[in-house]
């Protein structure tokens, strides 16, 4: 990954974080959904062929695995 990639990711997550911090009552799942949407928008601007569904599926699968692992710990 290049510096540009890291800056894109940081900027997208910062945007999502700013939104979450200004709205009371956001759950962890809602925050993850918002961060995912902001990230997908940023990635799609960089690559018009970006596959939003594939990315969303990967994020959801990863989040689900982490939730299960946390429950088992």
Protein backbone atom coordinates (compact mmCIF):
# COMPACT_ATOMS: atom_id res chain seq x y z
CA UNK A 1 0.00 0.00 0.00
CA UNK A 2 1.11 3.51 -0.67
CA UNK A 3 0.97 6.60 1.51
CA UNK A 4 -1.99 7.74 -0.61
CA UNK A 5 -3.87 4.54 0.33
CA UNK A 6 -3.26 5.06 4.04
CA UNK A 7 -4.37 8.68 3.80
CA UNK A 8 -7.56 7.63 2.02
CA UNK A 9 -8.37 5.09 4.73
CA UNK A 10 -7.58 7.51 7.55
CA UNK A 11 -9.69 10.24 5.98
CA UNK A 12 -12.69 7.95 5.48
CA UNK A 13 -12.51 6.62 9.03
CA UNK A 14 -12.11 10.14 10.39
CA UNK A 15 -15.26 11.23 8.57
CA UNK A 16 -17.19 8.31 10.02
CA UNK A 17 -15.81 8.97 13.51
CA UNK A 18 -16.78 12.65 13.34
CA UNK A 19 -20.34 11.64 12.48
CA UNK A 20 -20.57 9.02 15.22
CA UNK A 21 -19.26 11.45 17.84
CA UNK A 22 -21.85 14.11 16.97
CA UNK A 23 -24.86 11.78 17.14
CA UNK A 24 -25.83 10.29 20.48
CA UNK A 25 -27.02 6.74 20.71
CA UNK A 26 -24.95 5.18 17.94
CA UNK A 27 -24.38 1.49 18.55
CA UNK A 28 -21.18 -0.30 17.58
CA UNK A 29 -22.98 -1.93 14.67
CA UNK A 30 -24.27 1.42 13.40
CA UNK A 31 -20.81 2.93 13.70
CA UNK A 32 -19.34 0.02 11.73
CA UNK A 33 -22.01 0.41 9.05
CA UNK A 34 -21.31 4.13 8.74
CA UNK A 35 -17.55 3.59 8.57
CA UNK A 36 -18.05 0.92 5.92
CA UNK A 37 -20.25 3.19 3.78
CA UNK A 38 -17.80 6.09 4.01
CA UNK A 39 -14.89 3.79 3.17
CA UNK A 40 -16.74 2.29 0.21
CA UNK A 41 -17.51 5.76 -1.15
CA UNK A 42 -13.84 6.75 -0.90
CA UNK A 43 -12.61 3.52 -2.50
CA UNK A 44 -15.15 3.78 -5.31
CA UNK A 45 -13.91 7.29 -6.13
CA UNK A 46 -10.40 5.86 -6.51
CA UNK A 47 -11.52 2.82 -8.48
CA UNK A 48 -14.78 2.92 -10.46
CA UNK A 49 -14.65 -0.90 -10.71
CA UNK A 50 -14.65 -1.23 -6.91
CA UNK A 51 -17.04 -4.01 -5.85
CA UNK A 52 -19.11 -2.58 -3.00
CA UNK A 53 -20.99 -5.83 -2.36
CA UNK A 54 -17.83 -7.90 -2.12
CA UNK A 55 -16.23 -5.39 0.26
CA UNK A 56 -19.38 -5.20 2.43
CA UNK A 57 -19.57 -9.00 2.61
CA UNK A 58 -15.95 -9.22 3.72
CA UNK A 59 -16.42 -6.54 6.41
CA UNK A 60 -19.55 -8.24 7.75
CA UNK A 61 -17.92 -11.68 7.81
CA UNK A 62 -14.89 -10.32 9.64
CA UNK A 63 -17.04 -8.47 12.19
CA UNK A 64 -19.11 -11.61 12.79
CA UNK A 65 -15.99 -13.72 13.38
CA UNK A 66 -14.65 -11.19 15.88
CA UNK A 67 -17.98 -11.09 17.74
CA UNK A 68 -18.01 -14.87 18.06
CA UNK A 69 -14.40 -14.93 19.25
CA UNK A 70 -15.17 -12.25 21.85
CA UNK A 71 -18.07 -14.28 23.19
CA UNK A 72 -15.89 -17.36 23.48
CA UNK A 73 -13.17 -15.52 25.40
